[in-house]
Every structure is written in C-alpha cells, then in structure tokens.
Amino acid sequence: NMVPHVRKGCVIAFGVQDPKIATEQLVVVAETQLSSTDEKNNLVQQIIEKINLELAITIDQVVLVRPHSVPKTSSGKSRR
C-alpha cells in the first residue's frame, strides 16, 4: 500500500551508523512534490505510521526530497 504524495518507486531506506549510541539508525528518503511545511510534516508522520503498521519497524528519520533526487541505476532501480 502506498502513501499519498510519495512518488512510486522513488523511496529508499538504509541504515546509518550512529557512533554516539553505537547502533544503526534507519533512514527513509522519499521523493515528493509537496512544498508546504505542514504538508511535509504530515507526510513524514504518514510514512512513519505506515511502515510501523505494515512492517512493525520504527523509522529514526524521514528525509523528503524533490522529484528525481533519488539516484537510479541504468535499469531504473533505486541506487543505494
């Protein structure tokens, strides 16, 4: 199931080492065309809730970026 205002196939999740707490944090980057702060904050909450509900995973950070910001491979998959 998708979250409205997130571009399909333009989401990437990855772990980032956090030396302060000696563990990994889960970061989600999602492309969106939304521009207002309120809409973006609402979208971040929707992403966090959706992932928690569907996968029982807690997201540490959601980063919203403009369309075409997530790099793609030559075959069109998200490049990590």
PDB file of N, CA and C in Angstrom:
ATOM      1  N   ASN A   1       0.836  -1.182   0.000  1.00  0.00           N
ATOM      2  CA  ASN A   1       0.000   0.000   0.000  1.00  0.00           C
ATOM      3  C   ASN A   1       0.880   1.244   0.000  1.00  0.00           C
ATOM      4  N   MET A   2       0.433   2.225  -0.723  1.00  0.00           N
ATOM      5  CA  MET A   2       1.231   3.440  -0.872  1.00  0.00           C
ATOM      6  C   MET A   2       0.740   4.545   0.059  1.00  0.00           C
ATOM      7  N   VAL A   3       1.600   5.509   0.257  1.00  0.00           N
ATOM      8  CA  VAL A   3       1.257   6.718   0.994  1.00  0.00           C
ATOM      9  C   VAL A   3       1.042   7.811  -0.060  1.00  0.00           C
ATOM     10  N   PRO A   4      -0.084   8.535  -0.018  1.00  0.00           N
ATOM     11  CA  PRO A   4      -0.307   9.595  -0.995  1.00  0.00           C
ATOM     12  C   PRO A   4       0.810  10.634  -0.975  1.00  0.00           C
ATOM     13  N   HIS A   5       1.118  11.172  -2.150  1.00  0.00           N
ATOM     14  CA  HIS A   5       2.114  12.237  -2.343  1.00  0.00           C
ATOM     15  C   HIS A   5       3.554  11.739  -2.284  1.00  0.00           C
ATOM     16  N   VAL A   6       3.758  10.415  -2.238  1.00  0.00           N
ATOM     17  CA  VAL A   6       5.106   9.860  -2.342  1.00  0.00           C
ATOM     18  C   VAL A   6       5.198   9.217  -3.716  1.00  0.00           C
ATOM     19  N   ARG A   7       6.237   9.553  -4.462  1.00  0.00           N
ATOM     20  CA  ARG A   7       6.373   9.041  -5.822  1.00  0.00           C
ATOM     21  C   ARG A   7       6.713   7.552  -5.797  1.00  0.00           C
ATOM     22  N   LYS A   8       5.879   6.755  -6.476  1.00  0.00           N
ATOM     23  CA  LYS A   8       6.073   5.308  -6.532  1.00  0.00           C
ATOM     24  C   LYS A   8       7.459   4.981  -7.104  1.00  0.00           C
ATOM     25  N   GLY A   9       8.158   4.071  -6.434  1.00  0.00           N
ATOM     26  CA  GLY A   9       9.484   3.657  -6.885  1.00  0.00           C
ATOM     27  C   GLY A   9      10.578   4.671  -6.572  1.00  0.00           C
ATOM     28  N   CYS A  10      10.238   5.702  -5.823  1.00  0.00           N
ATOM     29  CA  CYS A  10      11.203   6.764  -5.523  1.00  0.00           C
ATOM     30  C   CYS A  10      11.396   6.907  -4.020  1.00  0.00           C
ATOM     31  N   VAL A  11      11.512   5.764  -3.365  1.00  0.00           N
ATOM     32  CA  VAL A  11      11.740   5.714  -1.923  1.00  0.00           C
ATOM     33  C   VAL A  11      12.898   4.768  -1.679  1.00  0.00           C
ATOM     34  N   ILE A  12      13.746   5.143  -0.764  1.00  0.00           N
ATOM     35  CA  ILE A  12      14.874   4.274  -0.427  1.00  0.00           C
ATOM     36  C   ILE A  12      15.049   4.280   1.092  1.00  0.00           C
ATOM     37  N   ALA A  13      15.393   3.140   1.649  1.00  0.00           N
ATOM     38  CA  ALA A  13      15.635   3.018   3.088  1.00  0.00           C
ATOM     39  C   ALA A  13      17.026   2.431   3.286  1.00  0.00           C
ATOM     40  N   PHE A  14      17.724   2.918   4.298  1.00  0.00           N
ATOM     41  CA  PHE A  14      19.062   2.405   4.565  1.00  0.00           C
ATOM     42  C   PHE A  14      19.438   2.668   6.022  1.00  0.00           C
ATOM     43  N   GLY A  15      20.411   1.940   6.495  1.00  0.00           N
ATOM     44  CA  GLY A  15      20.903   2.109   7.859  1.00  0.00           C
ATOM     45  C   GLY A  15      22.122   3.010   7.880  1.00  0.00           C
ATOM     46  N   VAL A  16      22.221   3.815   8.936  1.00  0.00           N
ATOM     47  CA  VAL A  16      23.362   4.707   9.127  1.00  0.00           C
ATOM     48  C   VAL A  16      23.912   4.460  10.523  1.00  0.00           C
ATOM     49  N   GLN A  17      25.220   4.230  10.603  1.00  0.00           N
ATOM     50  CA  GLN A  17      25.856   4.023  11.904  1.00  0.00           C
ATOM     51  C   GLN A  17      25.790   5.307  12.724  1.00  0.00           C
ATOM     52  N   ASP A  18      25.403   5.186  13.976  1.00  0.00           N
ATOM     53  CA  ASP A  18      25.383   6.320  14.893  1.00  0.00           C
ATOM     54  C   ASP A  18      26.391   6.034  15.993  1.00  0.00           C
ATOM     55  N   PRO A  19      27.593   6.627  15.895  1.00  0.00           N
ATOM     56  CA  PRO A  19      28.644   6.327  16.875  1.00  0.00           C
ATOM     57  C   PRO A  19      28.285   6.751  18.300  1.00  0.00           C
ATOM     58  N   LYS A  20      27.398   7.737  18.449  1.00  0.00           N
ATOM     59  CA  LYS A  20      27.023   8.206  19.786  1.00  0.00           C
ATOM     60  C   LYS A  20      26.324   7.116  20.585  1.00  0.00           C
ATOM     61  N   ILE A  21      25.459   6.354  19.906  1.00  0.00           N
ATOM     62  CA  ILE A  21      24.716   5.309  20.612  1.00  0.00           C
ATOM     63  C   ILE A  21      25.146   3.908  20.186  1.00  0.00           C
ATOM     64  N   ALA A  22      26.196   3.837  19.381  1.00  0.00           N
ATOM     65  CA  ALA A  22      26.789   2.567  18.944  1.00  0.00           C
ATOM     66  C   ALA A  22      25.765   1.619  18.334  1.00  0.00           C
ATOM     67  N   THR A  23      24.922   2.166  17.490  1.00  0.00           N
ATOM     68  CA  THR A  23      23.937   1.339  16.794  1.00  0.00           C
ATOM     69  C   THR A  23      23.627   1.978  15.449  1.00  0.00           C
ATOM     70  N   GLU A  24      22.761   1.317  14.695  1.00  0.00           N
ATOM     71  CA  GLU A  24      22.377   1.835  13.391  1.00  0.00           C
ATOM     72  C   GLU A  24      21.023   2.512  13.475  1.00  0.00           C
ATOM     73  N   GLN A  25      20.868   3.608  12.747  1.00  0.00           N
ATOM     74  CA  GLN A  25      19.573   4.265  12.645  1.00  0.00           C
ATOM     75  C   GLN A  25      19.003   3.994  11.262  1.00  0.00           C
ATOM     76  N   LEU A  26      17.672   3.814  11.193  1.00  0.00           N
ATOM     77  CA  LEU A  26      17.007   3.561   9.927  1.00  0.00           C
ATOM     78  C   LEU A  26      16.510   4.873   9.352  1.00  0.00           C
ATOM     79  N   VAL A  27      16.954   5.171   8.124  1.00  0.00           N
ATOM     80  CA  VAL A  27      16.595   6.402   7.436  1.00  0.00           C
ATOM     81  C   VAL A  27      15.797   6.055   6.186  1.00  0.00           C
ATOM     82  N   VAL A  28      14.718   6.790   5.945  1.00  0.00           N
ATOM     83  CA  VAL A  28      13.919   6.641   4.727  1.00  0.00           C
ATOM     84  C   VAL A  28      14.003   7.954   3.966  1.00  0.00           C
ATOM     85  N   VAL A  29      14.332   7.877   2.677  1.00  0.00           N
ATOM     86  CA  VAL A  29      14.331   9.040   1.798  1.00  0.00           C
ATOM     87  C   VAL A  29      13.212   8.828   0.795  1.00  0.00           C
ATOM     88  N   ALA A  30      12.329   9.829   0.664  1.00  0.00           N
ATOM     89  CA  ALA A  30      11.180   9.714  -0.234  1.00  0.00           C
ATOM     90  C   ALA A  30      11.036  10.974  -1.066  1.00  0.00           C
ATOM     91  N   GLU A  31      10.775  10.799  -2.358  1.00  0.00           N
ATOM     92  CA  GLU A  31      10.536  11.929  -3.235  1.00  0.00           C
ATOM     93  C   GLU A  31       9.082  12.365  -3.143  1.00  0.00           C
ATOM     94  N   THR A  32       8.873  13.671  -3.128  1.00  0.00           N
ATOM     95  CA  THR A  32       7.522  14.218  -3.111  1.00  0.00           C
ATOM     96  C   THR A  32       7.518  15.580  -3.787  1.00  0.00           C
ATOM     97  N   GLN A  33       6.355  15.973  -4.283  1.00  0.00           N
ATOM     98  CA  GLN A  33       6.206  17.300  -4.883  1.00  0.00           C
ATOM     99  C   GLN A  33       5.624  18.297  -3.886  1.00  0.00           C
ATOM    100  N   LEU A  34       5.286  17.840  -2.695  1.00  0.00           N
ATOM    101  CA  LEU A  34       4.723  18.751  -1.693  1.00  0.00           C
ATOM    102  C   LEU A  34       5.758  19.815  -1.332  1.00  0.00           C
ATOM    103  N   SER A  35       5.262  21.018  -1.038  1.00  0.00           N
ATOM    104  CA  SER A  35       6.203  22.084  -0.718  1.00  0.00           C
ATOM    105  C   SER A  35       5.942  22.760   0.620  1.00  0.00           C
ATOM    106  N   SER A  36       4.700  22.730   1.106  1.00  0.00           N
ATOM    107  CA  SER A  36       4.432  23.422   2.369  1.00  0.00           C
ATOM    108  C   SER A  36       4.945  22.604   3.551  1.00  0.00           C
ATOM    109  N   THR A  37       5.413  23.311   4.560  1.00  0.00           N
ATOM    110  CA  THR A  37       5.959  22.656   5.751  1.00  0.00           C
ATOM    111  C   THR A  37       4.922  21.774   6.429  1.00  0.00           C
ATOM    112  N   ASP A  38       3.686  22.254   6.550  1.00  0.00           N
ATOM    113  CA  ASP A  38       2.631  21.465   7.192  1.00  0.00           C
ATOM    114  C   ASP A  38       2.360  20.179   6.428  1.00  0.00           C
ATOM    115  N   GLU A  39       2.283  20.278   5.102  1.00  0.00           N
ATOM    116  CA  GLU A  39       2.040  19.079   4.287  1.00  0.00           C
ATOM    117  C   GLU A  39       3.203  18.093   4.418  1.00  0.00           C
ATOM    118  N   LYS A  40       4.414  18.605   4.413  1.00  0.00           N
ATOM    119  CA  LYS A  40       5.585  17.733   4.548  1.00  0.00           C
ATOM    120  C   LYS A  40       5.612  17.053   5.914  1.00  0.00           C
ATOM    121  N   ASN A  41       5.336  17.806   6.978  1.00  0.00           N
ATOM    122  CA  ASN A  41       5.316  17.220   8.322  1.00  0.00           C
ATOM    123  C   ASN A  41       4.260  16.136   8.421  1.00  0.00           C
ATOM    124  N   ASN A  42       3.087  16.373   7.832  1.00  0.00           N
ATOM    125  CA  ASN A  42       2.016  15.386   7.810  1.00  0.00           C
ATOM    126  C   ASN A  42       2.446  14.142   7.040  1.00  0.00           C
ATOM    127  N   LEU A  43       3.126  14.345   5.913  1.00  0.00           N
ATOM    128  CA  LEU A  43       3.589  13.225   5.107  1.00  0.00           C
ATOM    129  C   LEU A  43       4.612  12.383   5.864  1.00  0.00           C
ATOM    130  N   VAL A  44       5.533  13.026   6.567  1.00  0.00           N
ATOM    131  CA  VAL A  44       6.527  12.301   7.371  1.00  0.00           C
ATOM    132  C   VAL A  44       5.815  11.406   8.386  1.00  0.00           C
ATOM    133  N   GLN A  45       4.809  11.937   9.068  1.00  0.00           N
ATOM    134  CA  GLN A  45       4.053  11.149  10.043  1.00  0.00           C
ATOM    135  C   GLN A  45       3.345   9.971   9.386  1.00  0.00           C
ATOM    136  N   GLN A  46       2.784  10.194   8.189  1.00  0.00           N
ATOM    137  CA  GLN A  46       2.111   9.114   7.468  1.00  0.00           C
ATOM    138  C   GLN A  46       3.087   8.003   7.097  1.00  0.00           C
ATOM    139  N   ILE A  47       4.276   8.376   6.656  1.00  0.00           N
ATOM    140  CA  ILE A  47       5.295   7.379   6.291  1.00  0.00           C
ATOM    141  C   ILE A  47       5.703   6.574   7.517  1.00  0.00           C
ATOM    142  N   ILE A  48       5.976   7.264   8.616  1.00  0.00           N
ATOM    143  CA  ILE A  48       6.382   6.586   9.854  1.00  0.00           C
ATOM    144  C   ILE A  48       5.296   5.610  10.306  1.00  0.00           C
ATOM    145  N   GLU A  49       4.045   6.066  10.324  1.00  0.00           N
ATOM    146  CA  GLU A  49       2.929   5.222  10.769  1.00  0.00           C
ATOM    147  C   GLU A  49       2.713   4.037   9.841  1.00  0.00           C
ATOM    148  N   LYS A  50       2.797   4.266   8.522  1.00  0.00           N
ATOM    149  CA  LYS A  50       2.568   3.202   7.549  1.00  0.00           C
ATOM    150  C   LYS A  50       3.623   2.098   7.689  1.00  0.00           C
ATOM    151  N   ILE A  51       4.884   2.488   7.794  1.00  0.00           N
ATOM    152  CA  ILE A  51       5.954   1.496   7.918  1.00  0.00           C
ATOM    153  C   ILE A  51       5.837   0.760   9.244  1.00  0.00           C
ATOM    154  N   ASN A  52       5.510   1.482  10.306  1.00  0.00           N
ATOM    155  CA  ASN A  52       5.353   0.841  11.608  1.00  0.00           C
ATOM    156  C   ASN A  52       4.190  -0.149  11.577  1.00  0.00           C
ATOM    157  N   LEU A  53       3.076   0.234  10.967  1.00  0.00           N
ATOM    158  CA  LEU A  53       1.899  -0.627  10.890  1.00  0.00           C
ATOM    159  C   LEU A  53       2.145  -1.852  10.020  1.00  0.00           C
ATOM    160  N   GLU A  54       2.706  -1.640   8.831  1.00  0.00           N
ATOM    161  CA  GLU A  54       2.890  -2.729   7.860  1.00  0.00           C
ATOM    162  C   GLU A  54       4.051  -3.656   8.219  1.00  0.00           C
ATOM    163  N   LEU A  55       5.144  -3.086   8.742  1.00  0.00           N
ATOM    164  CA  LEU A  55       6.364  -3.870   8.953  1.00  0.00           C
ATOM    165  C   LEU A  55       6.803  -3.968  10.402  1.00  0.00           C
ATOM    166  N   ALA A  56       6.120  -3.258  11.291  1.00  0.00           N
ATOM    167  CA  ALA A  56       6.484  -3.208  12.713  1.00  0.00           C
ATOM    168  C   ALA A  56       7.935  -2.767  12.892  1.00  0.00           C
ATOM    169  N   ILE A  57       8.326  -1.763  12.101  1.00  0.00           N
ATOM    170  CA  ILE A  57       9.680  -1.206  12.160  1.00  0.00           C
ATOM    171  C   ILE A  57       9.565   0.260  12.535  1.00  0.00           C
ATOM    172  N   THR A  58      10.449   0.710  13.412  1.00  0.00           N
ATOM    173  CA  THR A  58      10.478   2.116  13.788  1.00  0.00           C
ATOM    174  C   THR A  58      11.512   2.841  12.944  1.00  0.00           C
ATOM    175  N   ILE A  59      11.088   3.933  12.319  1.00  0.00           N
ATOM    176  CA  ILE A  59      11.963   4.751  11.490  1.00  0.00           C
ATOM    177  C   ILE A  59      12.582   5.832  12.367  1.00  0.00           C
ATOM    178  N   ASP A  60      13.901   6.016  12.246  1.00  0.00           N
ATOM    179  CA  ASP A  60      14.579   7.042  13.022  1.00  0.00           C
ATOM    180  C   ASP A  60      14.509   8.410  12.348  1.00  0.00           C
ATOM    181  N   GLN A  61      14.513   8.407  11.010  1.00  0.00           N
ATOM    182  CA  GLN A  61      14.492   9.687  10.298  1.00  0.00           C
ATOM    183  C   GLN A  61      13.866   9.503   8.928  1.00  0.00           C
ATOM    184  N   VAL A  62      13.026  10.459   8.528  1.00  0.00           N
ATOM    185  CA  VAL A  62      12.459  10.505   7.185  1.00  0.00           C
ATOM    186  C   VAL A  62      12.940  11.796   6.541  1.00  0.00           C
ATOM    187  N   VAL A  63      13.528  11.672   5.359  1.00  0.00           N
ATOM    188  CA  VAL A  63      14.001  12.831   4.612  1.00  0.00           C
ATOM    189  C   VAL A  63      13.173  12.922   3.337  1.00  0.00           C
ATOM    190  N   LEU A  64      12.501  14.064   3.142  1.00  0.00           N
ATOM    191  CA  LEU A  64      11.727  14.296   1.931  1.00  0.00           C
ATOM    192  C   LEU A  64      12.575  15.107   0.958  1.00  0.00           C
ATOM    193  N   VAL A  65      12.614  14.654  -0.294  1.00  0.00           N
ATOM    194  CA  VAL A  65      13.405  15.331  -1.318  1.00  0.00           C
ATOM    195  C   VAL A  65      12.537  15.617  -2.536  1.00  0.00           C
ATOM    196  N   ARG A  66      13.020  16.500  -3.395  1.00  0.00           N
ATOM    197  CA  ARG A  66      12.297  16.838  -4.619  1.00  0.00           C
ATOM    198  C   ARG A  66      12.322  15.672  -5.601  1.00  0.00           C
ATOM    199  N   PRO A  67      11.355  15.638  -6.529  1.00  0.00           N
ATOM    200  CA  PRO A  67      11.347  14.592  -7.554  1.00  0.00           C
ATOM    201  C   PRO A  67      12.680  14.518  -8.299  1.00  0.00           C
ATOM    202  N   HIS A  68      13.054  13.295  -8.649  1.00  0.00           N
ATOM    203  CA  HIS A  68      14.279  12.971  -9.401  1.00  0.00           C
ATOM    204  C   HIS A  68      15.547  13.178  -8.579  1.00  0.00           C
ATOM    205  N   SER A  69      15.423  13.179  -7.243  1.00  0.00           N
ATOM    206  CA  SER A  69      16.591  13.313  -6.372  1.00  0.00           C
ATOM    207  C   SER A  69      17.192  11.959  -5.999  1.00  0.00           C
ATOM    208  N   VAL A  70      16.372  10.905  -5.976  1.00  0.00           N
ATOM    209  CA  VAL A  70      16.869   9.569  -5.637  1.00  0.00           C
ATOM    210  C   VAL A  70      17.554   9.006  -6.879  1.00  0.00           C
ATOM    211  N   PRO A  71      18.870   8.754  -6.789  1.00  0.00           N
ATOM    212  CA  PRO A  71      19.590   8.256  -7.973  1.00  0.00           C
ATOM    213  C   PRO A  71      19.095   6.878  -8.397  1.00  0.00           C
ATOM    214  N   LYS A  72      19.093   6.644  -9.706  1.00  0.00           N
ATOM    215  CA  LYS A  72      18.635   5.378 -10.277  1.00  0.00           C
ATOM    216  C   LYS A  72      19.799   4.682 -10.996  1.00  0.00           C
ATOM    217  N   THR A  73      19.687   3.345 -11.062  1.00  0.00           N
ATOM    218  CA  THR A  73      20.639   2.578 -11.864  1.00  0.00           C
ATOM    219  C   THR A  73      20.221   2.667 -13.327  1.00  0.00           C
ATOM    220  N   SER A  74      21.025   2.142 -14.219  1.00  0.00           N
ATOM    221  CA  SER A  74      20.681   2.174 -15.651  1.00  0.00           C
ATOM    222  C   SER A  74      19.418   1.375 -15.955  1.00  0.00           C
ATOM    223  N   SER A  75      19.061   0.431 -15.059  1.00  0.00           N
ATOM    224  CA  SER A  75      17.842  -0.356 -15.275  1.00  0.00           C
ATOM    225  C   SER A  75      16.627   0.266 -14.576  1.00  0.00           C
ATOM    226  N   GLY A  76      16.801   1.459 -13.962  1.00  0.00           N
ATOM    227  CA  GLY A  76      15.683   2.181 -13.368  1.00  0.00           C
ATOM    228  C   GLY A  76      15.403   1.870 -11.908  1.00  0.00           C
ATOM    229  N   LYS A  77      16.268   1.067 -11.278  1.00  0.00           N
ATOM    230  CA  LYS A  77      16.084   0.763  -9.851  1.00  0.00           C
ATOM    231  C   LYS A  77      16.782   1.826  -9.009  1.00  0.00           C
ATOM    232  N   SER A  78      16.302   1.985  -7.768  1.00  0.00           N
ATOM    233  CA  SER A  78      16.931   2.944  -6.860  1.00  0.00           C
ATOM    234  C   SER A  78      18.359   2.508  -6.566  1.00  0.00           C
ATOM    235  N   ARG A  79      19.299   3.448  -6.739  1.00  0.00           N
ATOM    236  CA  ARG A  79      20.700   3.165  -6.457  1.00  0.00           C
ATOM    237  C   ARG A  79      20.951   3.410  -4.988  1.00  0.00           C
ATOM    238  N   ARG A  80      21.588   2.463  -4.334  1.00  0.00           N
ATOM    239  CA  ARG A  80      21.887   2.604  -2.909  1.00  0.00           C
ATOM    240  C   ARG A  80      23.300   3.031  -2.788  1.00  0.00           C
TER     241      ARG A  80
END
